[in-house]
C-alpha atoms as a PDB file:
ATOM      1  CA  MET A   1      18.702  19.075 -75.992  1.00  0.00           C
ATOM      2  CA  GLN A   2      18.099  15.521 -77.118  1.00  0.00           C
ATOM      3  CA  ASN A   3      15.587  14.758 -79.842  1.00  0.00           C
ATOM      4  CA  PHE A   4      13.373  11.915 -78.588  1.00  0.00           C
ATOM      5  CA  ILE A   5      11.531  11.486 -81.873  1.00  0.00           C
ATOM      6  CA  THR A   6      13.531   9.212 -84.126  1.00  0.00           C
ATOM      7  CA  PRO A   7      13.038   9.417 -87.894  1.00  0.00           C
ATOM      8  CA  GLU A   8      11.154   6.100 -87.719  1.00  0.00           C
ATOM      9  CA  ARG A   9       8.822   7.387 -84.989  1.00  0.00           C
ATOM     10  CA  GLU A  10       8.255  10.637 -86.861  1.00  0.00           C
ATOM     11  CA  ALA A  11       7.334   8.681 -90.000  1.00  0.00           C
ATOM     12  CA  ALA A  12       4.894   6.582 -87.947  1.00  0.00           C
ATOM     13  CA  ILE A  13       3.292   9.678 -86.392  1.00  0.00           C
ATOM     14  CA  LEU A  14       2.942  11.554 -89.667  1.00  0.00           C
ATOM     15  CA  GLY A  15       1.796   8.396 -91.445  1.00  0.00           C
ATOM     16  CA  HIS A  16      -1.075   8.093 -88.962  1.00  0.00           C
ATOM     17  CA  THR A  17      -1.988  11.781 -89.235  1.00  0.00           C
ATOM     18  CA  GLY A  18      -4.618  12.538 -91.856  1.00  0.00           C
ATOM     19  CA  MET A  19      -2.848  15.680 -93.079  1.00  0.00           C
ATOM     20  CA  LYS A  20       0.522  13.842 -93.211  1.00  0.00           C
ATOM     21  CA  ARG A  21       2.345  16.778 -91.603  1.00  0.00           C
ATOM     22  CA  TYR A  22       2.802  18.633 -88.342  1.00  0.00           C
ATOM     23  CA  GLY A  23       0.429  21.440 -87.537  1.00  0.00           C
ATOM     24  CA  LYS A  24       1.428  25.068 -87.791  1.00  0.00           C
ATOM     25  CA  PRO A  25       0.908  27.457 -84.868  1.00  0.00           C
ATOM     26  CA  ASN A  26      -1.452  29.623 -86.913  1.00  0.00           C
ATOM     27  CA  GLU A  27      -3.703  26.581 -87.397  1.00  0.00           C
ATOM     28  CA  LEU A  28      -4.332  26.369 -83.647  1.00  0.00           C
ATOM     29  CA  VAL A  29      -5.201  30.017 -83.130  1.00  0.00           C
ATOM     30  CA  GLY A  30      -8.794  29.792 -84.359  1.00  0.00           C
ATOM     31  CA  ALA A  31      -9.762  27.083 -81.886  1.00  0.00           C
ATOM     32  CA  VAL A  32      -8.044  28.878 -79.010  1.00  0.00           C
ATOM     33  CA  LEU A  33      -9.665  32.218 -79.821  1.00  0.00           C
ATOM     34  CA  TRP A  34     -13.063  30.574 -80.124  1.00  0.00           C
ATOM     35  CA  MET A  35     -12.689  28.851 -76.739  1.00  0.00           C
ATOM     36  CA  PHE A  36     -11.990  32.211 -75.084  1.00  0.00           C
ATOM     37  CA  SER A  37     -14.720  34.070 -76.947  1.00  0.00           C
ATOM     38  CA  ASP A  38     -18.332  34.741 -76.061  1.00  0.00           C
ATOM     39  CA  ALA A  39     -19.294  32.326 -78.857  1.00  0.00           C
ATOM     40  CA  ALA A  40     -18.168  29.454 -76.621  1.00  0.00           C
ATOM     41  CA  GLY A  41     -19.919  30.839 -73.547  1.00  0.00           C
ATOM     42  CA  PHE A  42     -22.265  27.861 -73.209  1.00  0.00           C
ATOM     43  CA  VAL A  43     -19.602  25.223 -73.919  1.00  0.00           C
ATOM     44  CA  THR A  44     -18.373  23.230 -70.939  1.00  0.00           C
ATOM     45  CA  GLY A  45     -16.105  20.214 -70.737  1.00  0.00           C
ATOM     46  CA  ALA A  46     -15.552  19.922 -74.478  1.00  0.00           C
ATOM     47  CA  GLU A  47     -12.426  18.738 -76.193  1.00  0.00           C
ATOM     48  CA  ILE A  48     -11.536  20.148 -79.576  1.00  0.00           C
ATOM     49  CA  ALA A  49      -9.101  17.977 -81.497  1.00  0.00           C
ATOM     50  CA  VAL A  50      -6.880  20.212 -83.578  1.00  0.00           C
ATOM     51  CA  ASP A  51      -4.662  17.344 -84.618  1.00  0.00           C
ATOM     52  CA  GLY A  52      -4.688  17.150 -88.406  1.00  0.00           C
ATOM     53  CA  GLY A  53      -6.747  13.979 -88.278  1.00  0.00           C
ATOM     54  CA  PHE A  54      -4.474  12.021 -85.913  1.00  0.00           C
ATOM     55  CA  ASN A  55      -7.490  10.763 -83.972  1.00  0.00           C
ATOM     56  CA  CYS A  56      -9.509   9.841 -87.050  1.00  0.00           C
ATOM     57  CA  ASP A  57     -10.060   6.253 -87.953  1.00  0.00           C
ATOM     58  CA  ASP A  58      -7.943   5.194 -90.947  1.00  0.00           C
ATOM     59  CA  ASN A  59     -11.092   4.069 -92.786  1.00  0.00           C
ATOM     60  CA  LEU A  60     -12.667   7.471 -92.254  1.00  0.00           C
ATOM     61  CA  ILE A  61      -9.544   9.184 -93.573  1.00  0.00           C
ATOM     62  CA  SER A  62      -9.550   7.047 -96.705  1.00  0.00           C
ATOM     63  CA  ILE A  63     -13.216   7.906 -97.270  1.00  0.00           C
ATOM     64  CA  LEU A  64     -12.754  11.628 -96.614  1.00  0.00           C
ATOM     65  CA  THR A  65      -9.748  11.948 -98.922  1.00  0.00           C
ATOM     66  CA  LYS A  66     -11.925  10.718-101.814  1.00  0.00           C
ATOM     67  CA  ILE A  67     -14.325  13.649-101.463  1.00  0.00           C
ATOM     68  CA  PRO A  68     -13.521  16.245-104.152  1.00  0.00           C
ATOM     69  CA  CYS A  69     -13.672  19.301-101.861  1.00  0.00           C
ATOM     70  CA  VAL A  70     -11.346  17.590 -99.359  1.00  0.00           C
ATOM     71  CA  GLN A  71      -8.957  16.747-102.205  1.00  0.00           C
ATOM     72  CA  LEU A  72      -8.902  20.410-103.212  1.00  0.00           C
ATOM     73  CA  LEU A  73      -8.126  21.484 -99.637  1.00  0.00           C
ATOM     74  CA  LEU A  74      -5.310  18.955 -99.374  1.00  0.00           C
ATOM     75  CA  GLN A  75      -3.839  20.073-102.706  1.00  0.00           C
ATOM     76  CA  ALA A  76      -4.009  23.731-101.694  1.00  0.00           C
ATOM     77  CA  ASP A  77      -2.350  22.913 -98.364  1.00  0.00           C
ATOM     78  CA  GLN A  78       0.527  21.122-100.088  1.00  0.00           C
ATOM     79  CA  LYS A  79       1.266  24.275-102.118  1.00  0.00           C
ATOM     80  CA  ASP A  80       1.898  26.302 -98.929  1.00  0.00           C
END
């Protein structure tokens, strides 16, 4: 199987992603379970971006990463 993501492309993707890493399968489970639960029974046509901040504006990311509680979450995530 050929890898279509070159190291340069991977660096560009991760550089644009707020979390600066790929997501882990266990990080998607919560959104999927919620969508199939009764708690989402009145939700129609919604998109839930579970993308580590890929769709966030770069200015928003720079603002968010200055918030102390976000900094703590990012530091804790890097320890995993």
